[in-house]
C-alpha atoms as a PDB file:
ATOM      1  CA  MET A   1       0.010   0.051  -0.092  1.00  0.00           C
ATOM      2  CA  ILE A   2       1.349   3.500  -0.624  1.00  0.00           C
ATOM      3  CA  SER A   3       2.781   5.235   2.185  1.00  0.00           C
ATOM      4  CA  LEU A   4       1.883   9.263   1.998  1.00  0.00           C
ATOM      5  CA  ARG A   5       4.636   9.276   5.137  1.00  0.00           C
ATOM      6  CA  ARG A   6       7.453   7.685   2.946  1.00  0.00           C
ATOM      7  CA  ILE A   7       6.609  10.042   0.236  1.00  0.00           C
ATOM      8  CA  SER A   8       6.584  12.972   2.171  1.00  0.00           C
ATOM      9  CA  ALA A   9      10.082  12.181   3.966  1.00  0.00           C
ATOM     10  CA  ILE A  10      11.236  12.091   0.189  1.00  0.00           C
ATOM     11  CA  VAL A  11      10.116  15.796  -0.129  1.00  0.00           C
ATOM     12  CA  LEU A  12      11.007  16.386   3.367  1.00  0.00           C
ATOM     13  CA  ARG A  13      14.900  15.347   2.776  1.00  0.00           C
ATOM     14  CA  GLN A  14      14.857  18.019  -0.445  1.00  0.00           C
ATOM     15  CA  THR A  15      13.299  20.647   1.765  1.00  0.00           C
ATOM     16  CA  TYR A  16      15.892  20.453   4.250  1.00  0.00           C
ATOM     17  CA  LEU A  17      18.683  20.075   1.653  1.00  0.00           C
ATOM     18  CA  LEU A  18      17.137  23.564   0.615  1.00  0.00           C
ATOM     19  CA  ARG A  19      16.906  25.284   3.583  1.00  0.00           C
ATOM     20  CA  GLY A  20      20.437  24.088   5.232  1.00  0.00           C
ATOM     21  CA  SER A  21      22.023  24.984   1.799  1.00  0.00           C
ATOM     22  CA  PRO A  22      20.619  28.251   0.505  1.00  0.00           C
ATOM     23  CA  VAL A  23      22.991  28.316  -2.329  1.00  0.00           C
ATOM     24  CA  ARG A  24      21.055  25.367  -3.858  1.00  0.00           C
ATOM     25  CA  LEU A  25      18.607  27.984  -4.558  1.00  0.00           C
ATOM     26  CA  LEU A  26      20.472  30.175  -6.469  1.00  0.00           C
ATOM     27  CA  PRO A  27      20.474  27.651 -10.090  1.00  0.00           C
ATOM     28  CA  LEU A  28      16.521  27.817  -9.370  1.00  0.00           C
ATOM     29  CA  VAL A  29      16.342  31.607  -9.778  1.00  0.00           C
ATOM     30  CA  VAL A  30      19.582  32.718 -11.661  1.00  0.00           C
ATOM     31  CA  TRP A  31      19.210  30.850 -15.142  1.00  0.00           C
ATOM     32  CA  VAL A  32      15.504  31.508 -15.318  1.00  0.00           C
ATOM     33  CA  ALA A  33      16.505  35.136 -14.748  1.00  0.00           C
ATOM     34  CA  ILE A  34      19.321  35.263 -17.261  1.00  0.00           C
ATOM     35  CA  ASP A  35      16.606  33.497 -19.884  1.00  0.00           C
ATOM     36  CA  MET A  36      14.052  35.786 -19.102  1.00  0.00           C
ATOM     37  CA  LEU A  37      16.194  39.032 -19.553  1.00  0.00           C
ATOM     38  CA  LEU A  38      18.197  37.940 -22.488  1.00  0.00           C
ATOM     39  CA  TRP A  39      14.819  36.750 -24.531  1.00  0.00           C
ATOM     40  CA  GLY A  40      13.210  39.748 -23.435  1.00  0.00           C
ATOM     41  CA  PHE A  41      15.308  42.531 -24.358  1.00  0.00           C
ATOM     42  CA  MET A  42      15.522  40.573 -27.620  1.00  0.00           C
ATOM     43  CA  THR A  43      11.937  40.376 -28.054  1.00  0.00           C
ATOM     44  CA  ARG A  44      11.466  44.389 -27.273  1.00  0.00           C
ATOM     45  CA  TYR A  45      13.635  44.863 -29.842  1.00  0.00           C
ATOM     46  CA  LEU A  46      12.030  42.945 -32.410  1.00  0.00           C
ATOM     47  CA  ALA A  47       8.903  44.398 -31.268  1.00  0.00           C
ATOM     48  CA  GLY A  48      10.525  47.747 -32.923  1.00  0.00           C
ATOM     49  CA  ILE A  49      11.197  46.547 -36.121  1.00  0.00           C
ATOM     50  CA  VAL A  50       8.555  43.958 -36.974  1.00  0.00           C
ATOM     51  CA  PRO A  51       5.616  45.496 -38.616  1.00  0.00           C
ATOM     52  CA  SER A  52       3.093  43.009 -37.035  1.00  0.00           C
ATOM     53  CA  GLY A  53       3.536  44.478 -33.771  1.00  0.00           C
ATOM     54  CA  VAL A  54       3.263  42.744 -30.706  1.00  0.00           C
ATOM     55  CA  GLN A  55       2.360  39.119 -31.452  1.00  0.00           C
ATOM     56  CA  PRO A  56       5.832  37.958 -32.153  1.00  0.00           C
ATOM     57  CA  VAL A  57       7.208  39.276 -28.705  1.00  0.00           C
ATOM     58  CA  LEU A  58       4.145  37.643 -27.192  1.00  0.00           C
ATOM     59  CA  ALA A  59       5.026  34.283 -28.972  1.00  0.00           C
ATOM     60  CA  ILE A  60       8.122  34.466 -28.219  1.00  0.00           C
ATOM     61  CA  LEU A  61       8.400  35.311 -24.778  1.00  0.00           C
ATOM     62  CA  GLY A  62       5.453  32.851 -23.878  1.00  0.00           C
ATOM     63  CA  ALA A  63       7.751  30.099 -25.643  1.00  0.00           C
ATOM     64  CA  VAL A  64      10.771  30.961 -23.799  1.00  0.00           C
ATOM     65  CA  LEU A  65       8.703  30.893 -20.026  1.00  0.00           C
ATOM     66  CA  LEU A  66       7.061  27.651 -21.280  1.00  0.00           C
ATOM     67  CA  TRP A  67       9.712  25.990 -22.283  1.00  0.00           C
ATOM     68  CA  ASP A  68      12.081  26.817 -19.556  1.00  0.00           C
ATOM     69  CA  PHE A  69       9.265  25.436 -17.565  1.00  0.00           C
ATOM     70  CA  PHE A  70       9.580  22.123 -19.125  1.00  0.00           C
ATOM     71  CA  ILE A  71      12.958  21.962 -18.035  1.00  0.00           C
ATOM     72  CA  ARG A  72      12.661  23.254 -14.851  1.00  0.00           C
ATOM     73  CA  ILE A  73      10.127  20.143 -14.219  1.00  0.00           C
ATOM     74  CA  MET A  74      12.597  17.705 -15.844  1.00  0.00           C
ATOM     75  CA  GLN A  75      15.686  19.027 -13.844  1.00  0.00           C
ATOM     76  CA  GLY A  76      13.165  19.052 -10.959  1.00  0.00           C
ATOM     77  CA  VAL A  77      13.155  15.251 -10.679  1.00  0.00           C
ATOM     78  CA  THR A  78      16.471  14.165 -12.051  1.00  0.00           C
ATOM     79  CA  MET A  79      18.533  16.356  -9.554  1.00  0.00           C
ATOM     80  CA  PRO A  80      16.928  15.218  -6.418  1.00  0.00           C
ATOM     81  CA  PHE A  81      17.953  11.597  -8.125  1.00  0.00           C
ATOM     82  CA  MET A  82      21.530  13.084  -8.612  1.00  0.00           C
ATOM     83  CA  GLU A  83      21.683  14.074  -5.191  1.00  0.00           C
ATOM     84  CA  ASP A  84      20.962  10.783  -3.945  1.00  0.00           C
ATOM     85  CA  VAL A  85      23.428   9.050  -6.184  1.00  0.00           C
ATOM     86  CA  TRP A  86      26.190  11.671  -5.286  1.00  0.00           C
ATOM     87  CA  SER A  87      25.615  11.381  -1.691  1.00  0.00           C
ATOM     88  CA  ARG A  88      25.770   7.329  -2.220  1.00  0.00           C
ATOM     89  CA  ASN A  89      22.531   7.391  -0.319  1.00  0.00           C
ATOM     90  CA  PHE A  90      20.355   5.764  -3.004  1.00  0.00           C
ATOM     91  CA  LEU A  91      20.613   2.564  -1.932  1.00  0.00           C
ATOM     92  CA  ASN A  92      20.080   3.400   1.946  1.00  0.00           C
ATOM     93  CA  PHE A  93      16.694   4.343   0.565  1.00  0.00           C
ATOM     94  CA  PHE A  94      15.647   0.908  -0.584  1.00  0.00           C
ATOM     95  CA  ALA A  95      17.160  -0.514   2.411  1.00  0.00           C
ATOM     96  CA  THR A  96      13.704   0.677   4.181  1.00  0.00           C
ATOM     97  CA  PRO A  97      10.154  -0.265   3.548  1.00  0.00           C
ATOM     98  CA  LEU A  98      10.375   2.264   0.927  1.00  0.00           C
ATOM     99  CA  ARG A  99       8.298   1.159  -2.757  1.00  0.00           C
ATOM    100  CA  VAL A 100       9.769   2.418  -6.104  1.00  0.00           C
ATOM    101  CA  GLY A 101       6.286   4.149  -6.519  1.00  0.00           C
ATOM    102  CA  GLU A 102       6.834   6.221  -3.408  1.00  0.00           C
ATOM    103  CA  TYR A 103      10.228   7.200  -4.326  1.00  0.00           C
ATOM    104  CA  VAL A 104       9.434   8.354  -8.029  1.00  0.00           C
ATOM    105  CA  ALA A 105       6.205  10.148  -6.264  1.00  0.00           C
ATOM    106  CA  GLY A 106       8.412  11.993  -3.468  1.00  0.00           C
ATOM    107  CA  LEU A 107      10.977  13.168  -6.919  1.00  0.00           C
ATOM    108  CA  VAL A 108       7.774  14.594  -8.631  1.00  0.00           C
ATOM    109  CA  LEU A 109       6.652  16.171  -5.344  1.00  0.00           C
ATOM    110  CA  SER A 110      10.050  17.999  -5.202  1.00  0.00           C
ATOM    111  CA  SER A 111      10.058  18.507  -8.755  1.00  0.00           C
ATOM    112  CA  ILE A 112       7.008  20.634  -7.944  1.00  0.00           C
ATOM    113  CA  LEU A 113       8.357  22.300  -4.802  1.00  0.00           C
ATOM    114  CA  THR A 114      11.478  23.751  -6.897  1.00  0.00           C
ATOM    115  CA  SER A 115      10.008  24.574 -10.573  1.00  0.00           C
ATOM    116  CA  THR A 116       7.526  26.966  -8.725  1.00  0.00           C
ATOM    117  CA  ILE A 117      10.014  28.493  -7.579  1.00  0.00           C
ATOM    118  CA  GLY A 118      11.431  29.095 -10.787  1.00  0.00           C
ATOM    119  CA  VAL A 119       8.395  29.833 -12.588  1.00  0.00           C
ATOM    120  CA  LEU A 120       7.149  32.449 -10.197  1.00  0.00           C
ATOM    121  CA  VAL A 121      10.436  34.100 -10.883  1.00  0.00           C
ATOM    122  CA  MET A 122       9.977  33.872 -14.424  1.00  0.00           C
ATOM    123  CA  LEU A 123       6.239  35.246 -13.937  1.00  0.00           C
ATOM    124  CA  LEU A 124       7.251  38.451 -12.129  1.00  0.00           C
ATOM    125  CA  LEU A 125      10.053  39.203 -14.716  1.00  0.00           C
ATOM    126  CA  ALA A 126       7.970  38.761 -17.603  1.00  0.00           C
ATOM    127  CA  GLY A 127       4.773  41.041 -15.921  1.00  0.00           C
ATOM    128  CA  VAL A 128       7.157  43.821 -14.040  1.00  0.00           C
ATOM    129  CA  VAL A 129       9.903  44.192 -16.850  1.00  0.00           C
ATOM    130  CA  PHE A 130       8.099  42.993 -19.910  1.00  0.00           C
ATOM    131  CA  GLY A 131       4.612  43.595 -19.049  1.00  0.00           C
ATOM    132  CA  LEU A 132       3.802  39.845 -20.160  1.00  0.00           C
ATOM    133  CA  SER A 133       0.346  38.400 -18.656  1.00  0.00           C
ATOM    134  CA  PHE A 134      -0.735  35.022 -19.300  1.00  0.00           C
ATOM    135  CA  THR A 135      -4.167  35.888 -17.514  1.00  0.00           C
ATOM    136  CA  ALA A 136      -5.078  37.660 -20.530  1.00  0.00           C
ATOM    137  CA  TYR A 137      -5.540  34.347 -22.159  1.00  0.00           C
ATOM    138  CA  GLY A 138      -7.701  33.088 -19.276  1.00  0.00           C
ATOM    139  CA  SER A 139      -8.058  29.120 -18.836  1.00  0.00           C
ATOM    140  CA  VAL A 140      -7.055  28.212 -22.465  1.00  0.00           C
ATOM    141  CA  ILE A 141      -3.836  27.883 -21.666  1.00  0.00           C
ATOM    142  CA  VAL A 142      -4.337  25.466 -18.733  1.00  0.00           C
ATOM    143  CA  PRO A 143      -4.256  22.406 -20.715  1.00  0.00           C
ATOM    144  CA  PHE A 144      -0.736  23.585 -22.396  1.00  0.00           C
ATOM    145  CA  VAL A 145       0.878  23.852 -19.006  1.00  0.00           C
ATOM    146  CA  VAL A 146      -0.426  20.437 -17.548  1.00  0.00           C
ATOM    147  CA  PHE A 147       0.459  18.597 -20.757  1.00  0.00           C
ATOM    148  CA  LEU A 148       3.836  19.976 -20.786  1.00  0.00           C
ATOM    149  CA  PHE A 149       4.125  19.748 -16.640  1.00  0.00           C
ATOM    150  CA  LEU A 150       3.433  15.949 -17.491  1.00  0.00           C
ATOM    151  CA  PHE A 151       6.015  15.604 -20.108  1.00  0.00           C
ATOM    152  CA  GLY A 152       8.530  16.999 -18.309  1.00  0.00           C
ATOM    153  CA  ILE A 153       7.762  14.630 -15.513  1.00  0.00           C
ATOM    154  CA  SER A 154       8.226  11.756 -18.037  1.00  0.00           C
ATOM    155  CA  PHE A 155      11.628  12.652 -19.321  1.00  0.00           C
ATOM    156  CA  GLY A 156      12.673  13.559 -15.749  1.00  0.00           C
ATOM    157  CA  VAL A 157      11.608   9.733 -14.906  1.00  0.00           C
ATOM    158  CA  LEU A 158      13.580   8.178 -17.883  1.00  0.00           C
ATOM    159  CA  GLY A 159      16.598  10.512 -16.917  1.00  0.00           C
ATOM    160  CA  CYS A 160      16.647   8.979 -13.716  1.00  0.00           C
ATOM    161  CA  ALA A 161      16.263   5.473 -15.575  1.00  0.00           C
ATOM    162  CA  ILE A 162      19.269   6.087 -17.824  1.00  0.00           C
ATOM    163  CA  MET A 163      21.489   7.036 -14.338  1.00  0.00           C
ATOM    164  CA  LEU A 164      19.927   4.021 -12.697  1.00  0.00           C
ATOM    165  CA  ARG A 165      20.996   1.627 -15.583  1.00  0.00           C
ATOM    166  CA  PHE A 166      24.315   3.310 -16.711  1.00  0.00           C
ATOM    167  CA  GLY A 167      25.765   4.636 -13.542  1.00  0.00           C
ATOM    168  CA  PRO A 168      25.989   8.170 -12.220  1.00  0.00           C
ATOM    169  CA  ALA A 169      28.600   9.318 -15.080  1.00  0.00           C
ATOM    170  CA  ALA A 170      26.060   8.811 -17.503  1.00  0.00           C
ATOM    171  CA  GLU A 171      24.065  12.430 -16.334  1.00  0.00           C
ATOM    172  CA  TRP A 172      26.002  14.079 -19.205  1.00  0.00           C
ATOM    173  CA  LEU A 173      23.472  12.225 -21.421  1.00  0.00           C
ATOM    174  CA  ILE A 174      20.522  13.953 -19.477  1.00  0.00           C
ATOM    175  CA  TRP A 175      21.715  17.392 -19.274  1.00  0.00           C
ATOM    176  CA  PRO A 176      21.354  17.695 -23.015  1.00  0.00           C
ATOM    177  CA  ILE A 177      18.033  16.041 -23.693  1.00  0.00           C
ATOM    178  CA  PRO A 178      15.737  19.756 -23.544  1.00  0.00           C
ATOM    179  CA  ALA A 179      18.235  21.168 -26.326  1.00  0.00           C
ATOM    180  CA  MET A 180      18.184  18.069 -28.517  1.00  0.00           C
ATOM    181  CA  ILE A 181      14.221  18.275 -28.546  1.00  0.00           C
ATOM    182  CA  ALA A 182      13.730  21.504 -28.831  1.00  0.00           C
ATOM    183  CA  PRO A 183      14.579  22.005 -32.678  1.00  0.00           C
ATOM    184  CA  PHE A 184      12.127  19.105 -33.208  1.00  0.00           C
ATOM    185  CA  VAL A 185       9.027  20.619 -31.392  1.00  0.00           C
ATOM    186  CA  GLY A 186       9.449  24.248 -32.928  1.00  0.00           C
ATOM    187  CA  VAL A 187       9.561  26.179 -29.593  1.00  0.00           C
ATOM    188  CA  PHE A 188      10.186  29.337 -31.679  1.00  0.00           C
ATOM    189  CA  TYR A 189       9.241  28.565 -35.026  1.00  0.00           C
ATOM    190  CA  PRO A 190       6.080  26.655 -36.704  1.00  0.00           C
ATOM    191  CA  LEU A 191       6.950  22.853 -37.551  1.00  0.00           C
ATOM    192  CA  GLU A 192       6.475  24.051 -41.667  1.00  0.00           C
ATOM    193  CA  VAL A 193       9.761  25.453 -41.623  1.00  0.00           C
ATOM    194  CA  LEU A 194      11.194  21.759 -40.697  1.00  0.00           C
ATOM    195  CA  PRO A 195      12.261  19.679 -43.271  1.00  0.00           C
ATOM    196  CA  ALA A 196      10.185  16.507 -43.606  1.00  0.00           C
ATOM    197  CA  TRP A 197      12.115  14.392 -41.259  1.00  0.00           C
ATOM    198  CA  MET A 198      12.236  16.786 -38.648  1.00  0.00           C
ATOM    199  CA  ARG A 199       8.814  17.324 -38.870  1.00  0.00           C
ATOM    200  CA  ALA A 200       8.184  13.616 -38.594  1.00  0.00           C
ATOM    201  CA  ILE A 201       9.864  13.384 -35.587  1.00  0.00           C
ATOM    202  CA  GLY A 202       8.405  16.514 -34.038  1.00  0.00           C
ATOM    203  CA  GLN A 203       4.758  14.914 -34.704  1.00  0.00           C
ATOM    204  CA  VAL A 204       5.154  12.582 -32.078  1.00  0.00           C
ATOM    205  CA  LEU A 205       6.530  14.827 -29.580  1.00  0.00           C
ATOM    206  CA  PRO A 206       3.529  16.514 -27.160  1.00  0.00           C
ATOM    207  CA  PRO A 207       5.398  19.816 -26.948  1.00  0.00           C
ATOM    208  CA  SER A 208       4.811  20.203 -31.090  1.00  0.00           C
ATOM    209  CA  TYR A 209       1.289  20.621 -30.488  1.00  0.00           C
ATOM    210  CA  ILE A 210       1.702  22.751 -27.415  1.00  0.00           C
ATOM    211  CA  PHE A 211       3.662  25.470 -28.934  1.00  0.00           C
ATOM    212  CA  GLU A 212       1.366  25.358 -32.002  1.00  0.00           C
ATOM    213  CA  GLY A 213      -1.467  25.876 -29.732  1.00  0.00           C
ATOM    214  CA  LEU A 214       0.200  28.787 -28.048  1.00  0.00           C
ATOM    215  CA  ARG A 215       1.130  30.618 -31.334  1.00  0.00           C
ATOM    216  CA  ALA A 216      -2.716  30.071 -32.187  1.00  0.00           C
ATOM    217  CA  VAL A 217      -3.994  32.015 -29.307  1.00  0.00           C
ATOM    218  CA  VAL A 218      -1.436  34.715 -29.394  1.00  0.00           C
ATOM    219  CA  SER A 219      -2.423  35.704 -33.294  1.00  0.00           C
ATOM    220  CA  GLY A 220      -5.816  35.056 -31.818  1.00  0.00           C
ATOM    221  CA  GLY A 221      -6.762  32.155 -33.588  1.00  0.00           C
ATOM    222  CA  GLN A 222      -8.807  29.180 -32.091  1.00  0.00           C
ATOM    223  CA  VAL A 223      -7.138  25.991 -30.673  1.00  0.00           C
ATOM    224  CA  SER A 224      -7.491  22.637 -32.613  1.00  0.00           C
ATOM    225  CA  SER A 225      -9.151  20.587 -30.148  1.00  0.00           C
ATOM    226  CA  GLY A 226      -8.084  17.389 -32.384  1.00  0.00           C
ATOM    227  CA  GLU A 227      -4.428  18.546 -31.547  1.00  0.00           C
ATOM    228  CA  LEU A 228      -5.123  19.088 -28.183  1.00  0.00           C
ATOM    229  CA  PHE A 229      -6.684  15.900 -27.505  1.00  0.00           C
ATOM    230  CA  LEU A 230      -3.542  13.838 -29.527  1.00  0.00           C
ATOM    231  CA  SER A 231      -1.058  15.901 -27.347  1.00  0.00           C
ATOM    232  CA  GLY A 232      -3.138  14.696 -24.223  1.00  0.00           C
ATOM    233  CA  ALA A 233      -2.713  11.248 -25.439  1.00  0.00           C
ATOM    234  CA  LEU A 234       0.811  11.420 -26.314  1.00  0.00           C
ATOM    235  CA  VAL A 235       2.211  12.642 -23.040  1.00  0.00           C
ATOM    236  CA  LEU A 236       0.251   9.820 -21.201  1.00  0.00           C
ATOM    237  CA  VAL A 237       1.660   7.389 -23.772  1.00  0.00           C
ATOM    238  CA  TYR A 238       5.318   8.897 -23.064  1.00  0.00           C
ATOM    239  CA  LEU A 239       4.852   9.176 -18.660  1.00  0.00           C
ATOM    240  CA  ALA A 240       3.383   5.606 -18.787  1.00  0.00           C
ATOM    241  CA  GLY A 241       6.406   4.460 -20.937  1.00  0.00           C
ATOM    242  CA  ALA A 242       9.093   6.169 -18.912  1.00  0.00           C
ATOM    243  CA  LEU A 243       7.281   4.851 -15.270  1.00  0.00           C
ATOM    244  CA  ALA A 244       7.526   1.364 -17.010  1.00  0.00           C
ATOM    245  CA  ILE A 245      10.903   1.904 -18.289  1.00  0.00           C
ATOM    246  CA  PHE A 246      12.361   3.031 -14.703  1.00  0.00           C
ATOM    247  CA  TRP A 247      10.531   0.098 -12.968  1.00  0.00           C
ATOM    248  CA  ARG A 248      12.229  -2.433 -15.289  1.00  0.00           C
ATOM    249  CA  THR A 249      15.297  -0.971 -14.975  1.00  0.00           C
ATOM    250  CA  TYR A 250      15.244  -0.813 -11.215  1.00  0.00           C
ATOM    251  CA  ARG A 251      14.442  -4.394 -11.319  1.00  0.00           C
ATOM    252  CA  HIS A 252      17.000  -5.183 -13.356  1.00  0.00           C
ATOM    253  CA  ALA A 253      19.451  -3.371 -10.850  1.00  0.00           C
ATOM    254  CA  VAL A 254      18.231  -5.339  -8.338  1.00  0.00           C
ATOM    255  CA  ARG A 255      18.849  -8.903 -10.105  1.00  0.00           C
ATOM    256  CA  THR A 256      22.338  -7.889 -11.142  1.00  0.00           C
ATOM    257  CA  GLY A 257      23.396  -6.388  -7.911  1.00  0.00           C
ATOM    258  CA  LEU A 258      24.106  -3.106 -10.148  1.00  0.00           C
ATOM    259  CA  ILE A 259      22.248  -0.993  -7.532  1.00  0.00           C
ATOM    260  CA  ALA A 260      24.923  -2.257  -4.886  1.00  0.00           C
ATOM    261  CA  ARG A 261      28.128  -1.287  -7.421  1.00  0.00           C
ATOM    262  CA  TYR A 262      27.371   2.140  -8.280  1.00  0.00           C
ATOM    263  CA  SER A 263      30.300   4.362  -8.909  1.00  0.00           C
ATOM    264  CA  ALA A 264      31.159   7.287 -11.174  1.00  0.00           C
ATOM    265  CA  GLU A 265      33.081   5.591 -13.732  1.00  0.00           C
ATOM    266  CA  ASN A 266      30.797   2.688 -14.069  1.00  0.00           C
ATOM    267  CA  LEU A 267      28.879   2.959 -17.354  1.00  0.00           C
ATOM    268  CA  ALA A 268      28.404  -0.755 -18.246  1.00  0.00           C
END
């Protein structure tokens, strides 16, 4: 039976880490602020030279905010896992009655905690410095945010599975994932500008439909309910697949003894 106490213990550990070392909060704020300021001033410049007015500004700055949201969600799952690996504490968790599902649920809740900090900073800067407010679009953007959140969770869990299978040094395979996905999902441009083979890949990635929908909303158009449904269905497939991969990887690590032989040099 799932225990909320054991799940909350995982979250509490991350809370203690943040409280005991405030410097850990800096990456949650600094990189978000840099991205928002850099792209914000760039879009302000574009607003002065693009005849179509503020539409590109809202689209680009909104895309930056949502893509950073995805990155923070993903890293919010992987970073606590990495903390446990770096501190050689991962094996200790599973010497207790803690279940795999409870551990993953704790990572997800920790991600919500840490990513909320970054999102609030982004919304504050976007509103105060650049006058961008998502409240003007109402509830229509809620599905975009929810689907992107779940997609970030799925890739965060997948990243944890990669590290669990190949060892701590595999973290270098995880950091580039958002950058590798971004060109295919049309964060800053429509999929039509991509070559056919890139467009085919983008069509099986949920963020493609999310950002297409965002551009439609900003330009005053209508969001396609069919594409929104397809995006949600794909997100659920990715999430279920990531959870299944993590579970199978964990069982493999237990059966082979790999879980007890973690070392930063081991990738096999």
